[in-house]
Amino acid sequence: MADQALVVIDLQNDFCPGGALAVTGGDEIVPLVNDMIRRTDHVVLTQDWHPAGHSSFASSHPGAQPFTMIEMPYGQQTLWPDHCIQGSLGSDFHSGLAWTKAELVIRKGFRPDIDSYSAFFENDHTTPTGLGGYLRERGIDTVTLVGLATDFCVGFSALDAVSQGFKTTVRLDACRGIDLNGSLEAMLRRMRDAGVALEDHLSD
């Protein structure tokens, strides 16, 4: 297991029921994720970490509604409700998450003018978070991704992991999706086509 890492994506209050950008059933995965953390030597967490007034917030664009699309210098961007603002309760990890074992926390989305879905790159797909280099330097070549949300931050992280040469698995039973206008099925297809192993142990 020394060459494998578990990457827990954005298991934060704002993405769980009652949060500003709640993913349906987001808190249901916490016990399973905790069990996976206990059984994994190397654990990395990501944390959405936006400054107030972030450019991906609909509130930063007069007259714009959440979940609509706009064109940004780096491409198309979904506008979101204000969420995971630095230091807020919503940005904290879910209180039930056994996060203390994590050896690295990657904070993303902290640059005011660009959003960051992936654990590996900002949404311009060129600005690295440093995760790829960290894993390689530690001799880790295999990653399993869990967390929120399947069709955005988990999915884009998985696509980037494969493109960076990591053997990549997404445990679908330890993820939950937003499914915005069919985004969940579209991302599942993209991940399969890219060579991501999709596992669901609910049927085991």
N, C-alpha and C. Protein backbone atom coordinates (compact mmCIF):
# COMPACT_ATOMS: atom_id res chain seq x y z
N MET A 1 0.82 -1.22 0.00
CA MET A 1 0.00 0.00 0.00
C MET A 1 0.85 1.27 0.00
N ALA A 2 2.19 1.09 0.13
CA ALA A 2 3.05 2.26 0.26
C ALA A 2 3.05 3.14 -0.98
N ASP A 3 2.69 2.55 -2.13
CA ASP A 3 2.69 3.34 -3.37
C ASP A 3 1.29 3.81 -3.75
N GLN A 4 0.36 3.74 -2.81
CA GLN A 4 -1.03 4.14 -3.07
C GLN A 4 -1.46 5.25 -2.12
N ALA A 5 -2.33 6.12 -2.61
CA ALA A 5 -2.88 7.20 -1.78
C ALA A 5 -4.38 7.28 -1.95
N LEU A 6 -5.04 7.61 -0.87
CA LEU A 6 -6.47 7.93 -0.88
C LEU A 6 -6.59 9.45 -0.90
N VAL A 7 -7.31 9.97 -1.89
CA VAL A 7 -7.51 11.41 -2.01
C VAL A 7 -8.99 11.70 -1.73
N VAL A 8 -9.25 12.39 -0.62
CA VAL A 8 -10.62 12.70 -0.19
C VAL A 8 -10.94 14.11 -0.65
N ILE A 9 -11.91 14.23 -1.54
CA ILE A 9 -12.21 15.49 -2.20
C ILE A 9 -13.32 16.25 -1.47
N ASP A 10 -13.00 17.41 -0.94
CA ASP A 10 -13.97 18.43 -0.52
C ASP A 10 -15.11 17.92 0.37
N LEU A 11 -14.78 17.10 1.36
CA LEU A 11 -15.84 16.64 2.28
C LEU A 11 -16.03 17.70 3.36
N GLN A 12 -16.63 18.81 2.92
CA GLN A 12 -16.78 20.01 3.74
C GLN A 12 -18.24 20.31 4.02
N ASN A 13 -18.47 21.10 5.06
CA ASN A 13 -19.84 21.38 5.50
C ASN A 13 -20.71 21.98 4.41
N ASP A 14 -20.17 22.89 3.61
CA ASP A 14 -21.00 23.56 2.61
C ASP A 14 -21.47 22.61 1.51
N PHE A 15 -20.82 21.47 1.35
CA PHE A 15 -21.24 20.50 0.33
C PHE A 15 -22.12 19.40 0.92
N CYS A 16 -22.37 19.46 2.22
CA CYS A 16 -23.22 18.47 2.89
C CYS A 16 -24.60 19.08 3.17
N PRO A 17 -25.61 18.25 3.41
CA PRO A 17 -26.95 18.78 3.68
C PRO A 17 -26.93 19.89 4.71
N GLY A 18 -27.63 20.99 4.40
CA GLY A 18 -27.63 22.18 5.24
C GLY A 18 -26.60 23.20 4.84
N GLY A 19 -25.69 22.83 3.95
CA GLY A 19 -24.64 23.73 3.50
C GLY A 19 -25.06 24.59 2.33
N ALA A 20 -24.21 25.54 1.98
CA ALA A 20 -24.54 26.53 0.95
C ALA A 20 -24.64 25.92 -0.44
N LEU A 21 -23.94 24.83 -0.67
CA LEU A 21 -23.96 24.16 -1.98
C LEU A 21 -24.08 22.66 -1.73
N ALA A 22 -25.17 22.29 -1.07
CA ALA A 22 -25.33 20.93 -0.57
C ALA A 22 -25.49 19.92 -1.70
N VAL A 23 -24.73 18.83 -1.59
CA VAL A 23 -24.87 17.69 -2.48
C VAL A 23 -25.77 16.69 -1.78
N THR A 24 -26.84 16.27 -2.45
CA THR A 24 -27.79 15.36 -1.83
C THR A 24 -27.07 14.11 -1.31
N GLY A 25 -27.27 13.82 -0.04
CA GLY A 25 -26.65 12.64 0.55
C GLY A 25 -25.16 12.77 0.79
N GLY A 26 -24.64 13.99 0.72
CA GLY A 26 -23.19 14.18 0.85
C GLY A 26 -22.61 13.66 2.15
N ASP A 27 -23.41 13.74 3.22
CA ASP A 27 -22.91 13.28 4.52
C ASP A 27 -22.98 11.76 4.68
N GLU A 28 -23.73 11.09 3.79
CA GLU A 28 -23.91 9.64 3.91
C GLU A 28 -22.60 8.88 3.69
N ILE A 29 -21.67 9.48 2.99
CA ILE A 29 -20.43 8.76 2.64
C ILE A 29 -19.39 8.81 3.75
N VAL A 30 -19.60 9.64 4.77
CA VAL A 30 -18.56 9.86 5.79
C VAL A 30 -18.11 8.56 6.46
N PRO A 31 -19.02 7.67 6.93
CA PRO A 31 -18.54 6.44 7.57
C PRO A 31 -17.69 5.57 6.65
N LEU A 32 -18.09 5.46 5.37
CA LEU A 32 -17.32 4.66 4.42
C LEU A 32 -15.95 5.30 4.16
N VAL A 33 -15.93 6.61 3.98
CA VAL A 33 -14.66 7.30 3.76
C VAL A 33 -13.75 7.12 4.98
N ASN A 34 -14.30 7.23 6.16
CA ASN A 34 -13.50 7.02 7.38
C ASN A 34 -12.90 5.62 7.42
N ASP A 35 -13.68 4.62 7.01
CA ASP A 35 -13.19 3.25 6.99
C ASP A 35 -12.03 3.12 5.99
N MET A 36 -12.16 3.78 4.85
CA MET A 36 -11.10 3.75 3.85
C MET A 36 -9.84 4.48 4.36
N ILE A 37 -10.03 5.59 5.06
CA ILE A 37 -8.90 6.31 5.65
C ILE A 37 -8.14 5.40 6.61
N ARG A 38 -8.88 4.68 7.44
CA ARG A 38 -8.24 3.79 8.43
C ARG A 38 -7.39 2.71 7.76
N ARG A 39 -7.79 2.30 6.56
CA ARG A 39 -7.13 1.19 5.89
C ARG A 39 -6.09 1.64 4.85
N THR A 40 -5.79 2.93 4.82
CA THR A 40 -4.87 3.47 3.81
C THR A 40 -3.68 4.14 4.49
N ASP A 41 -2.48 3.85 3.98
CA ASP A 41 -1.27 4.43 4.57
C ASP A 41 -1.15 5.92 4.29
N HIS A 42 -1.45 6.33 3.05
CA HIS A 42 -1.26 7.72 2.64
C HIS A 42 -2.61 8.35 2.33
N VAL A 43 -2.95 9.41 3.05
CA VAL A 43 -4.24 10.09 2.89
C VAL A 43 -3.99 11.56 2.59
N VAL A 44 -4.62 12.04 1.53
CA VAL A 44 -4.56 13.45 1.14
C VAL A 44 -5.99 13.99 1.11
N LEU A 45 -6.19 15.19 1.64
CA LEU A 45 -7.49 15.83 1.58
C LEU A 45 -7.42 17.07 0.69
N THR A 46 -8.52 17.36 0.00
CA THR A 46 -8.62 18.67 -0.65
C THR A 46 -9.70 19.48 0.07
N GLN A 47 -9.52 20.79 0.01
CA GLN A 47 -10.41 21.71 0.71
C GLN A 47 -10.67 22.91 -0.20
N ASP A 48 -11.92 23.07 -0.63
CA ASP A 48 -12.32 24.26 -1.36
C ASP A 48 -12.11 25.45 -0.43
N TRP A 49 -11.45 26.52 -0.92
CA TRP A 49 -10.97 27.56 -0.01
C TRP A 49 -11.03 28.91 -0.71
N HIS A 50 -12.26 29.43 -0.82
CA HIS A 50 -12.49 30.63 -1.62
C HIS A 50 -12.41 31.91 -0.79
N PRO A 51 -11.76 32.93 -1.31
CA PRO A 51 -11.91 34.25 -0.69
C PRO A 51 -13.33 34.77 -0.92
N ALA A 52 -13.79 35.64 -0.04
CA ALA A 52 -15.10 36.28 -0.25
C ALA A 52 -15.07 37.02 -1.57
N GLY A 53 -16.21 37.00 -2.28
CA GLY A 53 -16.28 37.69 -3.56
C GLY A 53 -15.58 36.97 -4.69
N HIS A 54 -15.38 35.67 -4.56
CA HIS A 54 -14.68 34.89 -5.60
C HIS A 54 -15.41 35.02 -6.94
N SER A 55 -14.61 34.99 -8.01
CA SER A 55 -15.18 35.22 -9.35
C SER A 55 -16.13 34.12 -9.80
N SER A 56 -16.10 32.95 -9.13
CA SER A 56 -17.02 31.87 -9.50
C SER A 56 -18.37 31.98 -8.79
N PHE A 57 -18.51 32.96 -7.91
CA PHE A 57 -19.78 33.14 -7.20
C PHE A 57 -20.74 33.96 -8.07
N ALA A 58 -21.97 33.50 -8.18
CA ALA A 58 -22.97 34.26 -8.92
C ALA A 58 -23.13 35.67 -8.34
N SER A 59 -22.96 35.80 -7.04
CA SER A 59 -23.13 37.10 -6.38
C SER A 59 -22.08 38.12 -6.83
N SER A 60 -20.99 37.64 -7.45
CA SER A 60 -19.95 38.55 -7.94
C SER A 60 -20.26 39.10 -9.32
N HIS A 61 -21.37 38.65 -9.91
CA HIS A 61 -21.74 39.06 -11.26
C HIS A 61 -23.17 39.61 -11.22
N PRO A 62 -23.34 40.94 -11.22
CA PRO A 62 -24.67 41.54 -11.06
C PRO A 62 -25.70 40.94 -12.03
N GLY A 63 -26.83 40.51 -11.46
CA GLY A 63 -27.92 39.96 -12.26
C GLY A 63 -27.77 38.49 -12.60
N ALA A 64 -26.63 37.88 -12.28
CA ALA A 64 -26.40 36.47 -12.62
C ALA A 64 -27.05 35.56 -11.59
N GLN A 65 -27.51 34.43 -12.06
CA GLN A 65 -28.13 33.43 -11.19
C GLN A 65 -27.19 32.25 -10.97
N PRO A 66 -27.21 31.66 -9.77
CA PRO A 66 -26.41 30.46 -9.55
C PRO A 66 -26.77 29.35 -10.55
N PHE A 67 -25.79 28.57 -10.91
CA PHE A 67 -25.90 27.41 -11.80
C PHE A 67 -26.05 27.78 -13.26
N THR A 68 -25.83 29.07 -13.59
CA THR A 68 -25.75 29.47 -14.99
C THR A 68 -24.27 29.48 -15.40
N MET A 69 -24.04 29.58 -16.71
CA MET A 69 -22.67 29.53 -17.23
C MET A 69 -22.27 30.91 -17.74
N ILE A 70 -21.00 31.25 -17.52
CA ILE A 70 -20.43 32.45 -18.13
C ILE A 70 -19.09 32.08 -18.76
N GLU A 71 -18.61 32.96 -19.60
CA GLU A 71 -17.31 32.77 -20.23
C GLU A 71 -16.27 33.53 -19.42
N MET A 72 -15.24 32.81 -18.99
CA MET A 72 -14.13 33.42 -18.28
C MET A 72 -12.88 33.34 -19.16
N PRO A 73 -11.83 34.08 -18.83
CA PRO A 73 -10.61 34.02 -19.67
C PRO A 73 -10.09 32.60 -19.86
N TYR A 74 -10.35 31.71 -18.91
CA TYR A 74 -9.86 30.33 -19.00
C TYR A 74 -10.90 29.37 -19.55
N GLY A 75 -12.07 29.88 -19.97
CA GLY A 75 -13.10 29.01 -20.54
C GLY A 75 -14.43 29.17 -19.83
N GLN A 76 -15.33 28.22 -20.05
CA GLN A 76 -16.66 28.30 -19.46
C GLN A 76 -16.60 28.00 -17.97
N GLN A 77 -17.41 28.73 -17.22
CA GLN A 77 -17.43 28.61 -15.77
C GLN A 77 -18.87 28.57 -15.28
N THR A 78 -19.22 27.54 -14.51
CA THR A 78 -20.51 27.53 -13.82
C THR A 78 -20.44 28.51 -12.65
N LEU A 79 -21.48 29.30 -12.49
CA LEU A 79 -21.55 30.21 -11.34
C LEU A 79 -22.25 29.50 -10.19
N TRP A 80 -21.69 29.65 -8.99
CA TRP A 80 -22.16 28.92 -7.83
C TRP A 80 -22.68 29.87 -6.76
N PRO A 81 -23.52 29.38 -5.84
CA PRO A 81 -23.81 30.16 -4.63
C PRO A 81 -22.49 30.37 -3.86
N ASP A 82 -22.43 31.44 -3.09
CA ASP A 82 -21.24 31.64 -2.24
C ASP A 82 -21.05 30.40 -1.36
N HIS A 83 -19.83 29.84 -1.35
CA HIS A 83 -19.59 28.62 -0.58
C HIS A 83 -18.12 28.49 -0.21
N CYS A 84 -17.86 27.75 0.84
CA CYS A 84 -16.50 27.43 1.29
C CYS A 84 -15.60 28.67 1.36
N ILE A 85 -16.13 29.71 1.98
CA ILE A 85 -15.36 30.95 2.15
C ILE A 85 -14.33 30.72 3.25
N GLN A 86 -13.12 31.13 2.97
CA GLN A 86 -11.97 30.87 3.85
C GLN A 86 -12.29 31.17 5.31
N GLY A 87 -12.07 30.17 6.16
CA GLY A 87 -12.26 30.35 7.59
C GLY A 87 -13.69 30.24 8.08
N SER A 88 -14.63 30.04 7.17
CA SER A 88 -16.03 29.94 7.58
C SER A 88 -16.34 28.52 8.06
N LEU A 89 -17.45 28.39 8.78
CA LEU A 89 -17.90 27.07 9.21
C LEU A 89 -18.15 26.18 7.99
N GLY A 90 -18.66 26.77 6.94
CA GLY A 90 -18.95 26.01 5.72
C GLY A 90 -17.71 25.43 5.07
N SER A 91 -16.57 26.08 5.28
CA SER A 91 -15.33 25.58 4.66
C SER A 91 -14.69 24.47 5.48
N ASP A 92 -15.15 24.29 6.73
CA ASP A 92 -14.57 23.25 7.59
C ASP A 92 -14.91 21.86 7.05
N PHE A 93 -14.03 20.89 7.33
CA PHE A 93 -14.35 19.51 7.01
C PHE A 93 -15.56 19.07 7.84
N HIS A 94 -16.34 18.16 7.27
CA HIS A 94 -17.49 17.61 8.00
C HIS A 94 -17.02 17.11 9.37
N SER A 95 -17.79 17.42 10.39
CA SER A 95 -17.35 17.14 11.77
C SER A 95 -17.15 15.65 12.03
N GLY A 96 -17.78 14.81 11.23
CA GLY A 96 -17.63 13.37 11.41
C GLY A 96 -16.45 12.77 10.67
N LEU A 97 -15.78 13.57 9.85
CA LEU A 97 -14.69 13.05 9.03
C LEU A 97 -13.43 12.84 9.87
N ALA A 98 -12.85 11.64 9.76
CA ALA A 98 -11.62 11.32 10.49
C ALA A 98 -10.42 11.85 9.71
N TRP A 99 -10.30 13.15 9.70
CA TRP A 99 -9.35 13.81 8.79
C TRP A 99 -7.93 13.91 9.36
N THR A 100 -7.75 13.62 10.66
CA THR A 100 -6.46 13.92 11.28
C THR A 100 -5.32 13.08 10.73
N LYS A 101 -5.61 11.96 10.09
CA LYS A 101 -4.57 11.10 9.53
C LYS A 101 -3.96 11.69 8.26
N ALA A 102 -4.60 12.68 7.68
CA ALA A 102 -4.13 13.23 6.40
C ALA A 102 -2.72 13.79 6.54
N GLU A 103 -1.87 13.46 5.58
CA GLU A 103 -0.51 13.99 5.59
C GLU A 103 -0.37 15.23 4.74
N LEU A 104 -1.41 15.55 3.99
CA LEU A 104 -1.39 16.76 3.15
C LEU A 104 -2.82 17.24 2.95
N VAL A 105 -3.03 18.54 3.04
CA VAL A 105 -4.30 19.17 2.67
C VAL A 105 -4.02 20.14 1.53
N ILE A 106 -4.63 19.87 0.39
CA ILE A 106 -4.50 20.76 -0.76
C ILE A 106 -5.68 21.72 -0.75
N ARG A 107 -5.38 23.00 -0.59
CA ARG A 107 -6.43 24.01 -0.66
C ARG A 107 -6.51 24.53 -2.10
N LYS A 108 -7.73 24.64 -2.60
CA LYS A 108 -7.91 25.04 -3.99
C LYS A 108 -9.00 26.08 -4.11
N GLY A 109 -8.93 26.86 -5.19
CA GLY A 109 -9.90 27.92 -5.39
C GLY A 109 -9.60 29.18 -4.61
N PHE A 110 -8.35 29.31 -4.12
CA PHE A 110 -8.01 30.48 -3.30
C PHE A 110 -7.59 31.68 -4.15
N ARG A 111 -7.33 31.47 -5.44
CA ARG A 111 -7.03 32.60 -6.33
C ARG A 111 -8.35 33.26 -6.73
N PRO A 112 -8.51 34.57 -6.48
CA PRO A 112 -9.82 35.21 -6.66
C PRO A 112 -10.39 35.13 -8.07
N ASP A 113 -9.51 35.03 -9.09
CA ASP A 113 -9.98 35.17 -10.46
C ASP A 113 -10.11 33.85 -11.21
N ILE A 114 -9.88 32.73 -10.52
CA ILE A 114 -10.00 31.45 -11.21
C ILE A 114 -10.51 30.39 -10.24
N ASP A 115 -11.44 29.57 -10.73
CA ASP A 115 -11.97 28.49 -9.90
C ASP A 115 -11.06 27.27 -10.03
N SER A 116 -11.23 26.33 -9.15
CA SER A 116 -10.39 25.13 -9.17
C SER A 116 -11.23 23.94 -8.75
N TYR A 117 -11.59 23.09 -9.71
CA TYR A 117 -12.32 21.86 -9.39
C TYR A 117 -11.35 20.74 -9.03
N SER A 118 -10.29 20.62 -9.84
CA SER A 118 -9.39 19.48 -9.73
C SER A 118 -8.43 19.62 -8.56
N ALA A 119 -8.06 18.48 -7.98
CA ALA A 119 -7.02 18.46 -6.94
C ALA A 119 -5.64 18.71 -7.53
N PHE A 120 -5.52 18.63 -8.84
CA PHE A 120 -4.21 18.74 -9.49
C PHE A 120 -3.97 20.07 -10.19
N PHE A 121 -5.02 20.69 -10.76
CA PHE A 121 -4.86 21.92 -11.52
C PHE A 121 -6.02 22.87 -11.28
N GLU A 122 -5.73 24.18 -11.42
CA GLU A 122 -6.80 25.16 -11.46
C GLU A 122 -7.61 24.93 -12.75
N ASN A 123 -8.71 25.66 -12.90
CA ASN A 123 -9.58 25.42 -14.05
C ASN A 123 -9.00 25.89 -15.39
N ASP A 124 -7.81 26.54 -15.35
CA ASP A 124 -7.14 26.82 -16.63
C ASP A 124 -6.40 25.58 -17.12
N HIS A 125 -6.36 24.52 -16.31
CA HIS A 125 -5.74 23.24 -16.63
C HIS A 125 -4.23 23.34 -16.81
N THR A 126 -3.64 24.46 -16.41
CA THR A 126 -2.19 24.61 -16.52
C THR A 126 -1.53 25.01 -15.20
N THR A 127 -2.26 25.66 -14.31
CA THR A 127 -1.69 26.08 -13.03
C THR A 127 -1.78 24.93 -12.03
N PRO A 128 -0.64 24.33 -11.64
CA PRO A 128 -0.70 23.14 -10.79
C PRO A 128 -0.93 23.50 -9.33
N THR A 129 -1.55 22.55 -8.61
CA THR A 129 -1.70 22.70 -7.15
C THR A 129 -0.48 22.19 -6.41
N GLY A 130 0.34 21.39 -7.07
CA GLY A 130 1.49 20.76 -6.43
C GLY A 130 1.26 19.32 -6.02
N LEU A 131 0.01 18.83 -6.14
CA LEU A 131 -0.30 17.48 -5.69
C LEU A 131 0.45 16.43 -6.51
N GLY A 132 0.50 16.61 -7.82
CA GLY A 132 1.18 15.64 -8.67
C GLY A 132 2.64 15.47 -8.27
N GLY A 133 3.32 16.58 -8.05
CA GLY A 133 4.72 16.54 -7.65
C GLY A 133 4.90 15.90 -6.29
N TYR A 134 4.00 16.20 -5.36
CA TYR A 134 4.06 15.62 -4.02
C TYR A 134 3.97 14.10 -4.09
N LEU A 135 2.96 13.61 -4.83
CA LEU A 135 2.76 12.16 -4.91
C LEU A 135 3.96 11.48 -5.56
N ARG A 136 4.45 12.06 -6.64
CA ARG A 136 5.60 11.45 -7.32
C ARG A 136 6.82 11.42 -6.41
N GLU A 137 7.06 12.51 -5.68
CA GLU A 137 8.22 12.57 -4.80
C GLU A 137 8.12 11.55 -3.68
N ARG A 138 6.90 11.22 -3.29
CA ARG A 138 6.68 10.21 -2.24
C ARG A 138 6.68 8.79 -2.80
N GLY A 139 6.83 8.64 -4.11
CA GLY A 139 6.84 7.32 -4.72
C GLY A 139 5.46 6.71 -4.89
N ILE A 140 4.44 7.54 -4.91
CA ILE A 140 3.05 7.07 -5.04
C ILE A 140 2.64 7.15 -6.51
N ASP A 141 2.16 6.02 -7.05
CA ASP A 141 1.75 6.00 -8.46
C ASP A 141 0.30 5.59 -8.66
N THR A 142 -0.41 5.33 -7.57
CA THR A 142 -1.79 4.84 -7.65
C THR A 142 -2.65 5.66 -6.69
N VAL A 143 -3.78 6.17 -7.19
CA VAL A 143 -4.66 6.97 -6.33
C VAL A 143 -6.09 6.47 -6.42
N THR A 144 -6.77 6.52 -5.28
CA THR A 144 -8.21 6.28 -5.21
C THR A 144 -8.87 7.56 -4.76
N LEU A 145 -9.90 7.99 -5.48
CA LEU A 145 -10.58 9.25 -5.17
C LEU A 145 -11.97 8.98 -4.62
N VAL A 146 -12.32 9.74 -3.58
CA VAL A 146 -13.65 9.69 -2.98
C VAL A 146 -14.06 11.12 -2.63
N GLY A 147 -15.35 11.34 -2.38
CA GLY A 147 -15.77 12.65 -1.88
C GLY A 147 -16.83 13.31 -2.73
N LEU A 148 -16.77 14.65 -2.77
CA LEU A 148 -17.83 15.46 -3.36
C LEU A 148 -17.25 16.49 -4.34
N ALA A 149 -17.90 16.70 -5.44
CA ALA A 149 -19.00 15.93 -5.98
C ALA A 149 -18.49 15.12 -7.17
N THR A 150 -19.13 13.97 -7.39
CA THR A 150 -18.67 13.04 -8.42
C THR A 150 -18.45 13.73 -9.76
N ASP A 151 -19.40 14.57 -10.16
CA ASP A 151 -19.41 15.12 -11.51
C ASP A 151 -18.64 16.43 -11.65
N PHE A 152 -18.07 16.92 -10.56
CA PHE A 152 -17.26 18.13 -10.66
C PHE A 152 -15.87 17.89 -10.07
N CYS A 153 -15.67 18.13 -8.81
CA CYS A 153 -14.30 18.11 -8.26
C CYS A 153 -13.70 16.71 -8.25
N VAL A 154 -14.50 15.68 -7.97
CA VAL A 154 -13.97 14.32 -8.03
C VAL A 154 -13.63 13.96 -9.46
N GLY A 155 -14.56 14.19 -10.36
CA GLY A 155 -14.36 13.82 -11.75
C GLY A 155 -13.19 14.51 -12.41
N PHE A 156 -13.09 15.82 -12.24
CA PHE A 156 -11.98 16.54 -12.86
C PHE A 156 -10.65 16.15 -12.23
N SER A 157 -10.65 15.84 -10.94
CA SER A 157 -9.43 15.35 -10.29
C SER A 157 -9.01 14.02 -10.89
N ALA A 158 -9.98 13.14 -11.13
CA ALA A 158 -9.67 11.82 -11.69
C ALA A 158 -9.12 11.95 -13.11
N LEU A 159 -9.71 12.81 -13.91
CA LEU A 159 -9.23 13.00 -15.29
C LEU A 159 -7.79 13.52 -15.28
N ASP A 160 -7.51 14.47 -14.38
CA ASP A 160 -6.16 15.01 -14.31
C ASP A 160 -5.18 13.99 -13.75
N ALA A 161 -5.63 13.16 -12.82
CA ALA A 161 -4.74 12.13 -12.27
C ALA A 161 -4.28 11.18 -13.37
N VAL A 162 -5.22 10.73 -14.20
CA VAL A 162 -4.87 9.86 -15.32
C VAL A 162 -3.92 10.56 -16.27
N SER A 163 -4.21 11.83 -16.59
CA SER A 163 -3.35 12.56 -17.54
C SER A 163 -1.95 12.76 -16.98
N GLN A 164 -1.83 12.73 -15.66
CA GLN A 164 -0.53 12.87 -15.00
C GLN A 164 0.18 11.53 -14.82
N GLY A 165 -0.44 10.45 -15.31
CA GLY A 165 0.21 9.16 -15.28
C GLY A 165 -0.06 8.30 -14.06
N PHE A 166 -1.03 8.70 -13.23
CA PHE A 166 -1.36 7.90 -12.06
C PHE A 166 -2.43 6.86 -12.40
N LYS A 167 -2.28 5.67 -11.85
CA LYS A 167 -3.33 4.67 -11.94
C LYS A 167 -4.46 5.12 -11.02
N THR A 168 -5.64 5.31 -11.59
CA THR A 168 -6.68 6.06 -10.89
C THR A 168 -7.98 5.28 -10.78
N THR A 169 -8.51 5.24 -9.56
CA THR A 169 -9.81 4.62 -9.29
C THR A 169 -10.70 5.63 -8.60
N VAL A 170 -11.97 5.66 -8.97
CA VAL A 170 -12.98 6.43 -8.24
C VAL A 170 -13.95 5.44 -7.61
N ARG A 171 -14.10 5.50 -6.31
CA ARG A 171 -15.06 4.66 -5.59
C ARG A 171 -16.40 5.39 -5.57
N LEU A 172 -17.27 5.00 -6.48
CA LEU A 172 -18.54 5.71 -6.65
C LEU A 172 -19.43 5.62 -5.42
N ASP A 173 -19.33 4.52 -4.65
CA ASP A 173 -20.16 4.40 -3.45
C ASP A 173 -19.68 5.33 -2.34
N ALA A 174 -18.47 5.89 -2.49
CA ALA A 174 -17.93 6.85 -1.52
C ALA A 174 -17.91 8.25 -2.10
N CYS A 175 -18.79 8.49 -3.08
CA CYS A 175 -18.96 9.82 -3.70
C CYS A 175 -20.45 10.11 -3.80
N ARG A 176 -20.79 11.37 -3.98
CA ARG A 176 -22.14 11.77 -4.33
C ARG A 176 -22.03 12.89 -5.37
N GLY A 177 -23.02 12.94 -6.28
CA GLY A 177 -22.96 13.90 -7.38
C GLY A 177 -24.01 15.00 -7.27
N ILE A 178 -23.77 16.07 -8.02
CA ILE A 178 -24.72 17.18 -8.10
C ILE A 178 -25.74 16.90 -9.20
N ASP A 179 -25.26 16.41 -10.34
CA ASP A 179 -26.06 16.12 -11.53
C ASP A 179 -26.79 17.37 -12.03
N LEU A 180 -26.00 18.30 -12.53
CA LEU A 180 -26.50 19.56 -13.07
C LEU A 180 -26.66 19.41 -14.58
N ASN A 181 -27.93 19.33 -15.02
CA ASN A 181 -28.22 19.20 -16.46
C ASN A 181 -27.51 18.00 -17.09
N GLY A 182 -27.57 16.87 -16.39
CA GLY A 182 -26.98 15.65 -16.94
C GLY A 182 -25.49 15.53 -16.74
N SER A 183 -24.93 16.35 -15.85
CA SER A 183 -23.47 16.38 -15.68
C SER A 183 -22.92 15.08 -15.12
N LEU A 184 -23.72 14.35 -14.34
CA LEU A 184 -23.21 13.14 -13.70
C LEU A 184 -22.92 12.05 -14.74
N GLU A 185 -23.90 11.76 -15.59
CA GLU A 185 -23.69 10.72 -16.61
C GLU A 185 -22.59 11.13 -17.58
N ALA A 186 -22.54 12.42 -17.92
CA ALA A 186 -21.50 12.91 -18.83
C ALA A 186 -20.11 12.71 -18.23
N MET A 187 -19.96 12.99 -16.93
CA MET A 187 -18.65 12.83 -16.30
C MET A 187 -18.29 11.36 -16.15
N LEU A 188 -19.25 10.51 -15.82
CA LEU A 188 -18.97 9.08 -15.72
C LEU A 188 -18.44 8.56 -17.06
N ARG A 189 -19.05 9.02 -18.15
CA ARG A 189 -18.61 8.61 -19.49
C ARG A 189 -17.19 9.11 -19.76
N ARG A 190 -16.93 10.37 -19.41
CA ARG A 190 -15.60 10.94 -19.63
C ARG A 190 -14.54 10.18 -18.84
N MET A 191 -14.86 9.84 -17.60
CA MET A 191 -13.89 9.12 -16.78
C MET A 191 -13.61 7.73 -17.36
N ARG A 192 -14.68 7.02 -17.74
CA ARG A 192 -14.49 5.69 -18.33
C ARG A 192 -13.61 5.77 -19.58
N ASP A 193 -13.93 6.73 -20.44
CA ASP A 193 -13.19 6.88 -21.70
C ASP A 193 -11.73 7.22 -21.45
N ALA A 194 -11.43 7.91 -20.35
CA ALA A 194 -10.06 8.33 -20.05
C ALA A 194 -9.24 7.22 -19.38
N GLY A 195 -9.92 6.15 -18.97
CA GLY A 195 -9.21 5.05 -18.33
C GLY A 195 -9.28 5.05 -16.82
N VAL A 196 -10.18 5.83 -16.24
CA VAL A 196 -10.40 5.79 -14.80
C VAL A 196 -11.19 4.53 -14.45
N ALA A 197 -10.74 3.80 -13.46
CA ALA A 197 -11.48 2.63 -12.98
C ALA A 197 -12.60 3.11 -12.06
N LEU A 198 -13.83 2.78 -12.40
CA LEU A 198 -14.98 3.17 -11.60
C LEU A 198 -15.45 1.95 -10.82
N GLU A 199 -15.41 2.03 -9.49
CA GLU A 199 -15.82 0.91 -8.64
C GLU A 199 -16.99 1.33 -7.77
N ASP A 200 -17.89 0.40 -7.55
CA ASP A 200 -19.02 0.63 -6.67
C ASP A 200 -19.22 -0.63 -5.84
N HIS A 201 -18.84 -0.57 -4.57
CA HIS A 201 -18.86 -1.76 -3.72
C HIS A 201 -20.21 -1.96 -3.04
N LEU A 202 -21.19 -1.11 -3.37
CA LEU A 202 -22.51 -1.28 -2.76
C LEU A 202 -23.10 -2.61 -3.15
N SER A 203 -22.74 -3.11 -4.33
CA SER A 203 -23.31 -4.36 -4.81
C SER A 203 -22.52 -5.58 -4.35
N ASP A 204 -21.41 -5.32 -3.62
CA ASP A 204 -20.59 -6.45 -3.16
C ASP A 204 -21.29 -7.25 -2.05
